[in-house]
């Protein structure tokens, strides 16, 4: 291949990469889901409480993975919390988690849309 052909192929690949990144950055029609950690408390070596907010379409149902980490950043507690439709887009949640050992921090790992949820 000549130099010109390599340049054309490289340019096309670059444009395709930029288009792919732009496509993934655009929110879906279902709306975006944004979790935000608010606070946590470590009750003892077997229990923690995590407070968080989730902004989602008000008619959507989402699941959120909540975790507690120890001082080595290992997961010592994990729970999935289902949040159903609500009057407002932002919903405050408080959940208690059982832990395997003493945690030092807690928060939301991720949230995702639940398709055809039956509550």
PDB file of N, CA and C in Angstrom:
ATOM      1  N   UNK A   1       0.831  -1.177   0.000  1.00  0.00           N
ATOM      2  CA  UNK A   1       0.000   0.000   0.000  1.00  0.00           C
ATOM      3  C   UNK A   1       0.881   1.248   0.000  1.00  0.00           C
ATOM      4  N   UNK A   2       0.401   2.232  -0.713  1.00  0.00           N
ATOM      5  CA  UNK A   2       1.140   3.475  -0.760  1.00  0.00           C
ATOM      6  C   UNK A   2       0.866   4.342   0.456  1.00  0.00           C
ATOM      7  N   UNK A   3       1.646   5.393   0.543  1.00  0.00           N
ATOM      8  CA  UNK A   3       1.504   6.312   1.667  1.00  0.00           C
ATOM      9  C   UNK A   3       0.139   6.989   1.703  1.00  0.00           C
ATOM     10  N   UNK A   4      -0.340   7.335   0.520  1.00  0.00           N
ATOM     11  CA  UNK A   4      -1.633   8.004   0.428  1.00  0.00           C
ATOM     12  C   UNK A   4      -2.767   7.080   0.877  1.00  0.00           C
ATOM     13  N   UNK A   5      -2.723   5.817   0.490  1.00  0.00           N
ATOM     14  CA  UNK A   5      -3.758   4.854   0.886  1.00  0.00           C
ATOM     15  C   UNK A   5      -3.746   4.655   2.399  1.00  0.00           C
ATOM     16  N   UNK A   6      -2.562   4.577   2.999  1.00  0.00           N
ATOM     17  CA  UNK A   6      -2.464   4.436   4.453  1.00  0.00           C
ATOM     18  C   UNK A   6      -3.049   5.655   5.155  1.00  0.00           C
ATOM     19  N   UNK A   7      -2.815   6.840   4.616  1.00  0.00           N
ATOM     20  CA  UNK A   7      -3.346   8.062   5.211  1.00  0.00           C
ATOM     21  C   UNK A   7      -4.868   8.088   5.126  1.00  0.00           C
ATOM     22  N   UNK A   8      -5.425   7.661   3.995  1.00  0.00           N
ATOM     23  CA  UNK A   8      -6.880   7.634   3.825  1.00  0.00           C
ATOM     24  C   UNK A   8      -7.498   6.629   4.801  1.00  0.00           C
ATOM     25  N   UNK A   9      -6.923   5.449   4.903  1.00  0.00           N
ATOM     26  CA  UNK A   9      -7.435   4.431   5.818  1.00  0.00           C
ATOM     27  C   UNK A   9      -7.335   4.910   7.265  1.00  0.00           C
ATOM     28  N   UNK A  10      -6.233   5.540   7.625  1.00  0.00           N
ATOM     29  CA  UNK A  10      -6.070   6.080   8.975  1.00  0.00           C
ATOM     30  C   UNK A  10      -7.092   7.152   9.284  1.00  0.00           C
ATOM     31  N   UNK A  11      -7.370   8.022   8.319  1.00  0.00           N
ATOM     32  CA  UNK A  11      -8.362   9.080   8.503  1.00  0.00           C
ATOM     33  C   UNK A  11      -9.755   8.487   8.687  1.00  0.00           C
ATOM     34  N   UNK A  12     -10.103   7.501   7.874  1.00  0.00           N
ATOM     35  CA  UNK A  12     -11.406   6.851   7.990  1.00  0.00           C
ATOM     36  C   UNK A  12     -11.537   6.162   9.348  1.00  0.00           C
ATOM     37  N   UNK A  13     -10.484   5.490   9.789  1.00  0.00           N
ATOM     38  CA  UNK A  13     -10.515   4.823  11.102  1.00  0.00           C
ATOM     39  C   UNK A  13     -10.673   5.849  12.220  1.00  0.00           C
ATOM     40  N   UNK A  14      -9.993   6.975  12.117  1.00  0.00           N
ATOM     41  CA  UNK A  14     -10.117   8.035  13.123  1.00  0.00           C
ATOM     42  C   UNK A  14     -11.524   8.606  13.179  1.00  0.00           C
ATOM     43  N   UNK A  15     -12.128   8.842  12.023  1.00  0.00           N
ATOM     44  CA  UNK A  15     -13.497   9.357  11.975  1.00  0.00           C
ATOM     45  C   UNK A  15     -14.462   8.338  12.572  1.00  0.00           C
ATOM     46  N   UNK A  16     -14.272   7.062  12.263  1.00  0.00           N
ATOM     47  CA  UNK A  16     -15.132   6.011  12.819  1.00  0.00           C
ATOM     48  C   UNK A  16     -15.002   5.946  14.339  1.00  0.00           C
ATOM     49  N   UNK A  17     -13.793   6.097  14.859  1.00  0.00           N
ATOM     50  CA  UNK A  17     -13.585   6.061  16.309  1.00  0.00           C
ATOM     51  C   UNK A  17     -14.283   7.241  16.985  1.00  0.00           C
ATOM     52  N   UNK A  18     -14.161   8.423  16.412  1.00  0.00           N
ATOM     53  CA  UNK A  18     -14.817   9.607  16.974  1.00  0.00           C
ATOM     54  C   UNK A  18     -16.333   9.431  16.930  1.00  0.00           C
ATOM     55  N   UNK A  19     -16.862   8.888  15.843  1.00  0.00           N
ATOM     56  CA  UNK A  19     -18.304   8.664  15.724  1.00  0.00           C
ATOM     57  C   UNK A  19     -18.781   7.657  16.771  1.00  0.00           C
ATOM     58  N   UNK A  20     -18.007   6.606  17.001  1.00  0.00           N
ATOM     59  CA  UNK A  20     -18.386   5.597  17.997  1.00  0.00           C
ATOM     60  C   UNK A  20     -18.416   6.198  19.407  1.00  0.00           C
ATOM     61  N   UNK A  21     -17.431   6.999  19.742  1.00  0.00           N
ATOM     62  CA  UNK A  21     -17.395   7.637  21.058  1.00  0.00           C
ATOM     63  C   UNK A  21     -18.573   8.598  21.216  1.00  0.00           C
ATOM     64  N   UNK A  22     -18.876   9.364  20.186  1.00  0.00           N
ATOM     65  CA  UNK A  22     -20.005  10.294  20.237  1.00  0.00           C
ATOM     66  C   UNK A  22     -21.315   9.535  20.400  1.00  0.00           C
ATOM     67  N   UNK A  23     -21.477   8.418  19.712  1.00  0.00           N
ATOM     68  CA  UNK A  23     -22.693   7.613  19.811  1.00  0.00           C
ATOM     69  C   UNK A  23     -22.892   7.091  21.235  1.00  0.00           C
ATOM     70  N   UNK A  24     -21.823   6.638  21.867  1.00  0.00           N
ATOM     71  CA  UNK A  24     -21.920   6.110  23.224  1.00  0.00           C
ATOM     72  C   UNK A  24     -22.145   7.216  24.255  1.00  0.00           C
ATOM     73  N   UNK A  25     -21.743   8.429  23.954  1.00  0.00           N
ATOM     74  CA  UNK A  25     -21.880   9.534  24.903  1.00  0.00           C
ATOM     75  C   UNK A  25     -23.280  10.130  24.912  1.00  0.00           C
ATOM     76  N   UNK A  26     -24.049   9.906  23.867  1.00  0.00           N
ATOM     77  CA  UNK A  26     -25.401  10.458  23.786  1.00  0.00           C
ATOM     78  C   UNK A  26     -26.319   9.630  24.674  1.00  0.00           C
ATOM     79  N   UNK A  27     -27.075  10.269  25.572  1.00  0.00           N
ATOM     80  CA  UNK A  27     -27.993   9.517  26.440  1.00  0.00           C
ATOM     81  C   UNK A  27     -29.039   8.773  25.630  1.00  0.00           C
ATOM     82  N   UNK A  28     -29.458   7.637  26.138  1.00  0.00           N
ATOM     83  CA  UNK A  28     -30.477   6.850  25.450  1.00  0.00           C
ATOM     84  C   UNK A  28     -31.832   7.530  25.573  1.00  0.00           C
ATOM     85  N   UNK A  29     -32.770   7.082  24.755  1.00  0.00           N
ATOM     86  CA  UNK A  29     -34.117   7.647  24.786  1.00  0.00           C
ATOM     87  C   UNK A  29     -34.799   7.373  26.116  1.00  0.00           C
ATOM     88  N   UNK A  30     -34.378   6.327  26.814  1.00  0.00           N
ATOM     89  CA  UNK A  30     -34.976   5.979  28.094  1.00  0.00           C
ATOM     90  C   UNK A  30     -34.566   6.951  29.195  1.00  0.00           C
ATOM     91  N   UNK A  31     -33.627   7.820  28.922  1.00  0.00           N
ATOM     92  CA  UNK A  31     -33.157   8.754  29.934  1.00  0.00           C
ATOM     93  C   UNK A  31     -31.932   8.212  30.644  1.00  0.00           C
ATOM     94  N   UNK A  32     -31.264   9.089  31.328  1.00  0.00           N
ATOM     95  CA  UNK A  32     -30.051   8.656  32.012  1.00  0.00           C
ATOM     96  C   UNK A  32     -30.349   8.341  33.468  1.00  0.00           C
ATOM     97  N   UNK A  33     -29.498   7.491  34.028  1.00  0.00           N
ATOM     98  CA  UNK A  33     -29.605   7.102  35.429  1.00  0.00           C
ATOM     99  C   UNK A  33     -28.330   7.558  36.102  1.00  0.00           C
ATOM    100  N   UNK A  34     -28.455   8.392  37.129  1.00  0.00           N
ATOM    101  CA  UNK A  34     -27.290   8.945  37.801  1.00  0.00           C
ATOM    102  C   UNK A  34     -27.378   8.715  39.298  1.00  0.00           C
ATOM    103  N   UNK A  35     -26.534   7.816  39.823  1.00  0.00           N
ATOM    104  CA  UNK A  35     -26.490   7.647  41.279  1.00  0.00           C
ATOM    105  C   UNK A  35     -25.533   8.646  41.911  1.00  0.00           C
ATOM    106  N   UNK A  36     -25.812   9.031  43.157  1.00  0.00           N
ATOM    107  CA  UNK A  36     -24.920   9.936  43.882  1.00  0.00           C
ATOM    108  C   UNK A  36     -24.859   9.494  45.340  1.00  0.00           C
ATOM    109  N   UNK A  37     -23.648   9.224  45.814  1.00  0.00           N
ATOM    110  CA  UNK A  37     -23.468   8.869  47.218  1.00  0.00           C
ATOM    111  C   UNK A  37     -23.756  10.077  48.093  1.00  0.00           C
ATOM    112  N   UNK A  38     -24.489   9.860  49.182  1.00  0.00           N
ATOM    113  CA  UNK A  38     -24.811  10.924  50.118  1.00  0.00           C
ATOM    114  C   UNK A  38     -24.056  10.732  51.425  1.00  0.00           C
ATOM    115  N   UNK A  39     -23.989   9.479  51.904  1.00  0.00           N
ATOM    116  CA  UNK A  39     -23.289   9.219  53.156  1.00  0.00           C
ATOM    117  C   UNK A  39     -23.348   7.747  53.510  1.00  0.00           C
ATOM    118  N   UNK A  40     -22.657   7.399  54.575  1.00  0.00           N
ATOM    119  CA  UNK A  40     -22.663   6.022  55.046  1.00  0.00           C
ATOM    120  C   UNK A  40     -22.342   6.030  56.523  1.00  0.00           C
ATOM    121  N   UNK A  41     -22.701   4.943  57.184  1.00  0.00           N
ATOM    122  CA  UNK A  41     -22.278   4.754  58.566  1.00  0.00           C
ATOM    123  C   UNK A  41     -21.960   3.276  58.752  1.00  0.00           C
ATOM    124  N   UNK A  42     -20.892   3.031  59.476  1.00  0.00           N
ATOM    125  CA  UNK A  42     -20.469   1.670  59.774  1.00  0.00           C
ATOM    126  C   UNK A  42     -20.939   1.385  61.197  1.00  0.00           C
ATOM    127  N   UNK A  43     -21.961   0.578  61.321  1.00  0.00           N
ATOM    128  CA  UNK A  43     -22.539   0.281  62.624  1.00  0.00           C
ATOM    129  C   UNK A  43     -21.606  -0.592  63.460  1.00  0.00           C
ATOM    130  N   UNK A  44     -21.135  -1.668  62.857  1.00  0.00           N
ATOM    131  CA  UNK A  44     -20.194  -2.578  63.512  1.00  0.00           C
ATOM    132  C   UNK A  44     -19.561  -3.446  62.424  1.00  0.00           C
ATOM    133  N   UNK A  45     -18.867  -4.509  62.803  1.00  0.00           N
ATOM    134  CA  UNK A  45     -18.162  -5.348  61.834  1.00  0.00           C
ATOM    135  C   UNK A  45     -19.099  -6.155  60.943  1.00  0.00           C
ATOM    136  N   UNK A  46     -20.398  -6.155  61.245  1.00  0.00           N
ATOM    137  CA  UNK A  46     -21.315  -6.954  60.433  1.00  0.00           C
ATOM    138  C   UNK A  46     -22.435  -6.141  59.781  1.00  0.00           C
ATOM    139  N   UNK A  47     -22.434  -4.818  59.984  1.00  0.00           N
ATOM    140  CA  UNK A  47     -23.524  -3.994  59.454  1.00  0.00           C
ATOM    141  C   UNK A  47     -23.032  -2.619  59.044  1.00  0.00           C
ATOM    142  N   UNK A  48     -23.579  -2.142  57.919  1.00  0.00           N
ATOM    143  CA  UNK A  48     -23.316  -0.780  57.459  1.00  0.00           C
ATOM    144  C   UNK A  48     -24.607  -0.225  56.858  1.00  0.00           C
ATOM    145  N   UNK A  49     -24.729   1.093  56.839  1.00  0.00           N
ATOM    146  CA  UNK A  49     -25.883   1.764  56.249  1.00  0.00           C
ATOM    147  C   UNK A  49     -25.364   2.737  55.206  1.00  0.00           C
ATOM    148  N   UNK A  50     -25.961   2.706  54.012  1.00  0.00           N
ATOM    149  CA  UNK A  50     -25.546   3.592  52.922  1.00  0.00           C
ATOM    150  C   UNK A  50     -26.733   4.445  52.502  1.00  0.00           C
ATOM    151  N   UNK A  51     -26.505   5.759  52.403  1.00  0.00           N
ATOM    152  CA  UNK A  51     -27.498   6.711  51.913  1.00  0.00           C
ATOM    153  C   UNK A  51     -27.058   7.182  50.536  1.00  0.00           C
ATOM    154  N   UNK A  52     -27.998   7.202  49.583  1.00  0.00           N
ATOM    155  CA  UNK A  52     -27.668   7.650  48.239  1.00  0.00           C
ATOM    156  C   UNK A  52     -28.905   8.185  47.547  1.00  0.00           C
ATOM    157  N   UNK A  53     -28.689   8.973  46.506  1.00  0.00           N
ATOM    158  CA  UNK A  53     -29.764   9.479  45.652  1.00  0.00           C
ATOM    159  C   UNK A  53     -29.602   8.874  44.273  1.00  0.00           C
ATOM    160  N   UNK A  54     -30.721   8.673  43.597  1.00  0.00           N
ATOM    161  CA  UNK A  54     -30.698   8.206  42.211  1.00  0.00           C
ATOM    162  C   UNK A  54     -31.587   9.130  41.406  1.00  0.00           C
ATOM    163  N   UNK A  55     -31.040   9.691  40.338  1.00  0.00           N
ATOM    164  CA  UNK A  55     -31.823  10.485  39.407  1.00  0.00           C
ATOM    165  C   UNK A  55     -32.106   9.600  38.206  1.00  0.00           C
ATOM    166  N   UNK A  56     -33.384   9.454  37.886  1.00  0.00           N
ATOM    167  CA  UNK A  56     -33.830   8.552  36.825  1.00  0.00           C
ATOM    168  C   UNK A  56     -35.146   9.083  36.282  1.00  0.00           C
ATOM    169  N   UNK A  57     -35.601   8.600  35.131  1.00  0.00           N
ATOM    170  CA  UNK A  57     -36.949   8.977  34.699  1.00  0.00           C
ATOM    171  C   UNK A  57     -37.952   8.532  35.762  1.00  0.00           C
ATOM    172  N   UNK A  58     -38.908   9.379  36.093  1.00  0.00           N
ATOM    173  CA  UNK A  58     -39.812   9.101  37.211  1.00  0.00           C
ATOM    174  C   UNK A  58     -40.625   7.822  37.025  1.00  0.00           C
ATOM    175  N   UNK A  59     -40.876   7.417  35.791  1.00  0.00           N
ATOM    176  CA  UNK A  59     -41.672   6.215  35.561  1.00  0.00           C
ATOM    177  C   UNK A  59     -40.820   4.946  35.424  1.00  0.00           C
ATOM    178  N   UNK A  60     -39.517   5.070  35.552  1.00  0.00           N
ATOM    179  CA  UNK A  60     -38.618   3.932  35.353  1.00  0.00           C
ATOM    180  C   UNK A  60     -38.371   3.174  36.655  1.00  0.00           C
ATOM    181  N   UNK A  61     -38.020   1.901  36.499  1.00  0.00           N
ATOM    182  CA  UNK A  61     -37.573   1.073  37.610  1.00  0.00           C
ATOM    183  C   UNK A  61     -36.100   0.764  37.376  1.00  0.00           C
ATOM    184  N   UNK A  62     -35.293   0.969  38.403  1.00  0.00           N
ATOM    185  CA  UNK A  62     -33.852   0.700  38.283  1.00  0.00           C
ATOM    186  C   UNK A  62     -33.396  -0.182  39.439  1.00  0.00           C
ATOM    187  N   UNK A  63     -32.319  -0.892  39.203  1.00  0.00           N
ATOM    188  CA  UNK A  63     -31.616  -1.631  40.252  1.00  0.00           C
ATOM    189  C   UNK A  63     -30.291  -0.925  40.476  1.00  0.00           C
ATOM    190  N   UNK A  64     -29.884  -0.827  41.730  1.00  0.00           N
ATOM    191  CA  UNK A  64     -28.596  -0.223  42.065  1.00  0.00           C
ATOM    192  C   UNK A  64     -27.796  -1.202  42.918  1.00  0.00           C
ATOM    193  N   UNK A  65     -26.541  -1.367  42.576  1.00  0.00           N
ATOM    194  CA  UNK A  65     -25.632  -2.203  43.354  1.00  0.00           C
ATOM    195  C   UNK A  65     -24.944  -1.312  44.381  1.00  0.00           C
ATOM    196  N   UNK A  66     -25.153  -1.641  45.647  1.00  0.00           N
ATOM    197  CA  UNK A  66     -24.579  -0.872  46.750  1.00  0.00           C
ATOM    198  C   UNK A  66     -23.511  -1.735  47.399  1.00  0.00           C
ATOM    199  N   UNK A  67     -22.379  -1.128  47.730  1.00  0.00           N
ATOM    200  CA  UNK A  67     -21.280  -1.914  48.287  1.00  0.00           C
ATOM    201  C   UNK A  67     -20.643  -1.236  49.486  1.00  0.00           C
ATOM    202  N   UNK A  68     -19.992  -2.047  50.301  1.00  0.00           N
ATOM    203  CA  UNK A  68     -19.191  -1.581  51.425  1.00  0.00           C
ATOM    204  C   UNK A  68     -17.790  -2.131  51.214  1.00  0.00           C
ATOM    205  N   UNK A  69     -16.782  -1.271  51.388  1.00  0.00           N
ATOM    206  CA  UNK A  69     -15.385  -1.656  51.192  1.00  0.00           C
ATOM    207  C   UNK A  69     -14.633  -1.594  52.514  1.00  0.00           C
ATOM    208  N   UNK A  70     -13.587  -2.422  52.628  1.00  0.00           N
ATOM    209  CA  UNK A  70     -12.728  -2.345  53.815  1.00  0.00           C
ATOM    210  C   UNK A  70     -11.528  -1.445  53.517  1.00  0.00           C
ATOM    211  N   UNK A  71     -10.580  -1.369  54.439  1.00  0.00           N
ATOM    212  CA  UNK A  71      -9.441  -0.462  54.257  1.00  0.00           C
ATOM    213  C   UNK A  71      -8.485  -0.896  53.158  1.00  0.00           C
ATOM    214  N   UNK A  72      -8.649  -2.112  52.633  1.00  0.00           N
ATOM    215  CA  UNK A  72      -7.841  -2.572  51.488  1.00  0.00           C
ATOM    216  C   UNK A  72      -8.626  -2.462  50.185  1.00  0.00           C
ATOM    217  N   UNK A  73      -9.761  -1.783  50.218  1.00  0.00           N
ATOM    218  CA  UNK A  73     -10.659  -1.597  49.071  1.00  0.00           C
ATOM    219  C   UNK A  73     -11.280  -2.900  48.585  1.00  0.00           C
ATOM    220  N   UNK A  74     -11.319  -3.907  49.436  1.00  0.00           N
ATOM    221  CA  UNK A  74     -12.000  -5.153  49.104  1.00  0.00           C
ATOM    222  C   UNK A  74     -13.479  -5.011  49.467  1.00  0.00           C
ATOM    223  N   UNK A  75     -14.341  -5.613  48.666  1.00  0.00           N
ATOM    224  CA  UNK A  75     -15.780  -5.574  48.935  1.00  0.00           C
ATOM    225  C   UNK A  75     -16.088  -6.526  50.087  1.00  0.00           C
ATOM    226  N   UNK A  76     -16.674  -5.970  51.162  1.00  0.00           N
ATOM    227  CA  UNK A  76     -17.053  -6.789  52.316  1.00  0.00           C
ATOM    228  C   UNK A  76     -18.571  -6.850  52.498  1.00  0.00           C
ATOM    229  N   UNK A  77     -19.304  -6.094  51.687  1.00  0.00           N
ATOM    230  CA  UNK A  77     -20.760  -6.120  51.707  1.00  0.00           C
ATOM    231  C   UNK A  77     -21.291  -5.665  50.360  1.00  0.00           C
ATOM    232  N   UNK A  78     -22.367  -6.324  49.891  1.00  0.00           N
ATOM    233  CA  UNK A  78     -22.913  -6.025  48.563  1.00  0.00           C
ATOM    234  C   UNK A  78     -24.406  -6.297  48.593  1.00  0.00           C
ATOM    235  N   UNK A  79     -25.179  -5.413  47.965  1.00  0.00           N
ATOM    236  CA  UNK A  79     -26.625  -5.588  47.930  1.00  0.00           C
ATOM    237  C   UNK A  79     -27.175  -4.881  46.695  1.00  0.00           C
ATOM    238  N   UNK A  80     -28.169  -5.489  46.070  1.00  0.00           N
ATOM    239  CA  UNK A  80     -28.867  -4.852  44.959  1.00  0.00           C
ATOM    240  C   UNK A  80     -30.185  -4.288  45.483  1.00  0.00           C
ATOM    241  N   UNK A  81     -30.414  -3.006  45.214  1.00  0.00           N
ATOM    242  CA  UNK A  81     -31.612  -2.312  45.686  1.00  0.00           C
ATOM    243  C   UNK A  81     -32.463  -1.949  44.478  1.00  0.00           C
ATOM    244  N   UNK A  82     -33.724  -2.332  44.488  1.00  0.00           N
ATOM    245  CA  UNK A  82     -34.654  -1.993  43.405  1.00  0.00           C
ATOM    246  C   UNK A  82     -35.410  -0.721  43.777  1.00  0.00           C
ATOM    247  N   UNK A  83     -35.451   0.225  42.832  1.00  0.00           N
ATOM    248  CA  UNK A  83     -36.137   1.500  43.020  1.00  0.00           C
ATOM    249  C   UNK A  83     -37.191   1.616  41.930  1.00  0.00           C
ATOM    250  N   UNK A  84     -38.438   1.637  42.328  1.00  0.00           N
ATOM    251  CA  UNK A  84     -39.548   1.674  41.380  1.00  0.00           C
ATOM    252  C   UNK A  84     -39.910   3.089  40.961  1.00  0.00           C
ATOM    253  N   UNK A  85     -40.967   3.206  40.177  1.00  0.00           N
ATOM    254  CA  UNK A  85     -41.441   4.528  39.748  1.00  0.00           C
ATOM    255  C   UNK A  85     -41.746   5.418  40.955  1.00  0.00           C
ATOM    256  N   UNK A  86     -41.535   6.711  40.780  1.00  0.00           N
ATOM    257  CA  UNK A  86     -41.741   7.676  41.857  1.00  0.00           C
ATOM    258  C   UNK A  86     -42.308   8.967  41.283  1.00  0.00           C
ATOM    259  N   UNK A  87     -42.757   9.855  42.159  1.00  0.00           N
ATOM    260  CA  UNK A  87     -43.317  11.132  41.706  1.00  0.00           C
ATOM    261  C   UNK A  87     -42.250  12.068  41.157  1.00  0.00           C
ATOM    262  N   UNK A  88     -41.034  11.978  41.701  1.00  0.00           N
ATOM    263  CA  UNK A  88     -39.948  12.863  41.279  1.00  0.00           C
ATOM    264  C   UNK A  88     -38.863  12.068  40.577  1.00  0.00           C
ATOM    265  N   UNK A  89     -38.023  12.760  39.811  1.00  0.00           N
ATOM    266  CA  UNK A  89     -36.915  12.101  39.116  1.00  0.00           C
ATOM    267  C   UNK A  89     -35.804  11.678  40.063  1.00  0.00           C
ATOM    268  N   UNK A  90     -35.578  12.436  41.140  1.00  0.00           N
ATOM    269  CA  UNK A  90     -34.519  12.102  42.093  1.00  0.00           C
ATOM    270  C   UNK A  90     -35.141  11.464  43.333  1.00  0.00           C
ATOM    271  N   UNK A  91     -34.634  10.277  43.661  1.00  0.00           N
ATOM    272  CA  UNK A  91     -35.162   9.489  44.775  1.00  0.00           C
ATOM    273  C   UNK A  91     -34.058   9.264  45.794  1.00  0.00           C
ATOM    274  N   UNK A  92     -34.354   9.548  47.060  1.00  0.00           N
ATOM    275  CA  UNK A  92     -33.397   9.302  48.147  1.00  0.00           C
ATOM    276  C   UNK A  92     -33.609   7.885  48.679  1.00  0.00           C
ATOM    277  N   UNK A  93     -32.499   7.200  48.931  1.00  0.00           N
ATOM    278  CA  UNK A  93     -32.558   5.822  49.419  1.00  0.00           C
ATOM    279  C   UNK A  93     -31.631   5.643  50.613  1.00  0.00           C
ATOM    280  N   UNK A  94     -32.034   4.783  51.525  1.00  0.00           N
ATOM    281  CA  UNK A  94     -31.189   4.363  52.645  1.00  0.00           C
ATOM    282  C   UNK A  94     -31.309   2.854  52.714  1.00  0.00           C
ATOM    283  N   UNK A  95     -30.170   2.178  52.726  1.00  0.00           N
ATOM    284  CA  UNK A  95     -30.204   0.725  52.800  1.00  0.00           C
ATOM    285  C   UNK A  95     -29.169   0.210  53.791  1.00  0.00           C
ATOM    286  N   UNK A  96     -29.545  -0.837  54.487  1.00  0.00           N
ATOM    287  CA  UNK A  96     -28.657  -1.473  55.449  1.00  0.00           C
ATOM    288  C   UNK A  96     -28.062  -2.709  54.792  1.00  0.00           C
ATOM    289  N   UNK A  97     -26.770  -2.912  54.975  1.00  0.00           N
ATOM    290  CA  UNK A  97     -26.081  -4.055  54.385  1.00  0.00           C
ATOM    291  C   UNK A  97     -25.407  -4.887  55.465  1.00  0.00           C
ATOM    292  N   UNK A  98     -25.412  -6.182  55.276  1.00  0.00           N
ATOM    293  CA  UNK A  98     -24.627  -7.068  56.127  1.00  0.00           C
ATOM    294  C   UNK A  98     -23.226  -7.124  55.541  1.00  0.00           C
ATOM    295  N   UNK A  99     -22.231  -7.159  56.407  1.00  0.00           N
ATOM    296  CA  UNK A  99     -20.849  -7.188  55.946  1.00  0.00           C
ATOM    297  C   UNK A  99     -20.119  -8.388  56.539  1.00  0.00           C
ATOM    298  N   UNK A 100     -19.090  -8.849  55.800  1.00  0.00           N
ATOM    299  CA  UNK A 100     -18.272  -9.984  56.249  1.00  0.00           C
ATOM    300  C   UNK A 100     -17.261  -9.570  57.303  1.00  0.00           C
ATOM    301  N   UNK A 101     -16.820  -8.320  57.232  1.00  0.00           N
ATOM    302  CA  UNK A 101     -15.861  -7.783  58.190  1.00  0.00           C
ATOM    303  C   UNK A 101     -16.056  -6.277  58.258  1.00  0.00           C
ATOM    304  N   UNK A 102     -15.263  -5.609  59.071  1.00  0.00           N
ATOM    305  CA  UNK A 102     -15.434  -4.176  59.274  1.00  0.00           C
ATOM    306  C   UNK A 102     -15.188  -3.395  57.984  1.00  0.00           C
ATOM    307  N   UNK A 103     -16.159  -2.606  57.589  1.00  0.00           N
ATOM    308  CA  UNK A 103     -16.020  -1.738  56.430  1.00  0.00           C
ATOM    309  C   UNK A 103     -15.529  -0.364  56.842  1.00  0.00           C
ATOM    310  N   UNK A 104     -15.024   0.384  55.863  1.00  0.00           N
ATOM    311  CA  UNK A 104     -14.582   1.751  56.138  1.00  0.00           C
ATOM    312  C   UNK A 104     -15.271   2.768  55.234  1.00  0.00           C
ATOM    313  N   UNK A 105     -15.958   2.294  54.199  1.00  0.00           N
ATOM    314  CA  UNK A 105     -16.682   3.196  53.312  1.00  0.00           C
ATOM    315  C   UNK A 105     -17.798   2.425  52.617  1.00  0.00           C
ATOM    316  N   UNK A 106     -18.797   3.150  52.144  1.00  0.00           N
ATOM    317  CA  UNK A 106     -19.903   2.522  51.436  1.00  0.00           C
ATOM    318  C   UNK A 106     -20.487   3.466  50.423  1.00  0.00           C
ATOM    319  N   UNK A 107     -21.049   2.915  49.367  1.00  0.00           N
ATOM    320  CA  UNK A 107     -21.650   3.748  48.340  1.00  0.00           C
ATOM    321  C   UNK A 107     -22.237   2.919  47.222  1.00  0.00           C
ATOM    322  N   UNK A 108     -22.738   3.610  46.203  1.00  0.00           N
ATOM    323  CA  UNK A 108     -23.340   2.956  45.043  1.00  0.00           C
ATOM    324  C   UNK A 108     -22.232   2.614  44.051  1.00  0.00           C
ATOM    325  N   UNK A 109     -22.217   1.354  43.613  1.00  0.00           N
ATOM    326  CA  UNK A 109     -21.269   0.929  42.581  1.00  0.00           C
ATOM    327  C   UNK A 109     -21.798   1.309  41.206  1.00  0.00           C
ATOM    328  N   UNK A 110     -23.076   0.994  40.919  1.00  0.00           N
ATOM    329  CA  UNK A 110     -23.694   1.328  39.634  1.00  0.00           C
ATOM    330  C   UNK A 110     -25.200   1.133  39.718  1.00  0.00           C
ATOM    331  N   UNK A 111     -25.905   1.719  38.753  1.00  0.00           N
ATOM    332  CA  UNK A 111     -27.351   1.541  38.633  1.00  0.00           C
ATOM    333  C   UNK A 111     -27.679   1.267  37.173  1.00  0.00           C
ATOM    334  N   UNK A 112     -28.749   0.498  36.939  1.00  0.00           N
ATOM    335  CA  UNK A 112     -29.141   0.166  35.590  1.00  0.00           C
ATOM    336  C   UNK A 112     -30.658   0.054  35.509  1.00  0.00           C
ATOM    337  N   UNK A 113     -31.163   0.264  34.302  1.00  0.00           N
ATOM    338  CA  UNK A 113     -32.589   0.215  34.036  1.00  0.00           C
ATOM    339  C   UNK A 113     -33.066  -1.231  34.064  1.00  0.00           C
ATOM    340  N   UNK A 114     -34.210  -1.474  34.699  1.00  0.00           N
ATOM    341  CA  UNK A 114     -34.827  -2.799  34.722  1.00  0.00           C
ATOM    342  C   UNK A 114     -35.933  -2.803  33.676  1.00  0.00           C
ATOM    343  N   UNK A 115     -35.787  -3.649  32.688  1.00  0.00           N
ATOM    344  CA  UNK A 115     -36.795  -3.744  31.628  1.00  0.00           C
ATOM    345  C   UNK A 115     -37.970  -4.594  32.108  1.00  0.00           C
ATOM    346  N   UNK A 116     -39.178  -4.154  31.819  1.00  0.00           N
ATOM    347  CA  UNK A 116     -40.396  -4.899  32.143  1.00  0.00           C
ATOM    348  C   UNK A 116     -40.417  -5.384  33.578  1.00  0.00           C
ATOM    349  N   UNK A 117     -40.118  -4.498  34.516  1.00  0.00           N
ATOM    350  CA  UNK A 117     -40.048  -4.866  35.925  1.00  0.00           C
ATOM    351  C   UNK A 117     -41.437  -5.142  36.485  1.00  0.00           C
ATOM    352  N   UNK A 118     -41.511  -6.186  37.270  1.00  0.00           N
ATOM    353  CA  UNK A 118     -42.731  -6.485  38.003  1.00  0.00           C
ATOM    354  C   UNK A 118     -42.429  -6.320  39.464  1.00  0.00           C
ATOM    355  N   UNK A 119     -42.960  -5.292  40.068  1.00  0.00           N
ATOM    356  CA  UNK A 119     -42.651  -5.011  41.469  1.00  0.00           C
ATOM    357  C   UNK A 119     -43.480  -5.842  42.397  1.00  0.00           C
TER     358      UNK A 119
END
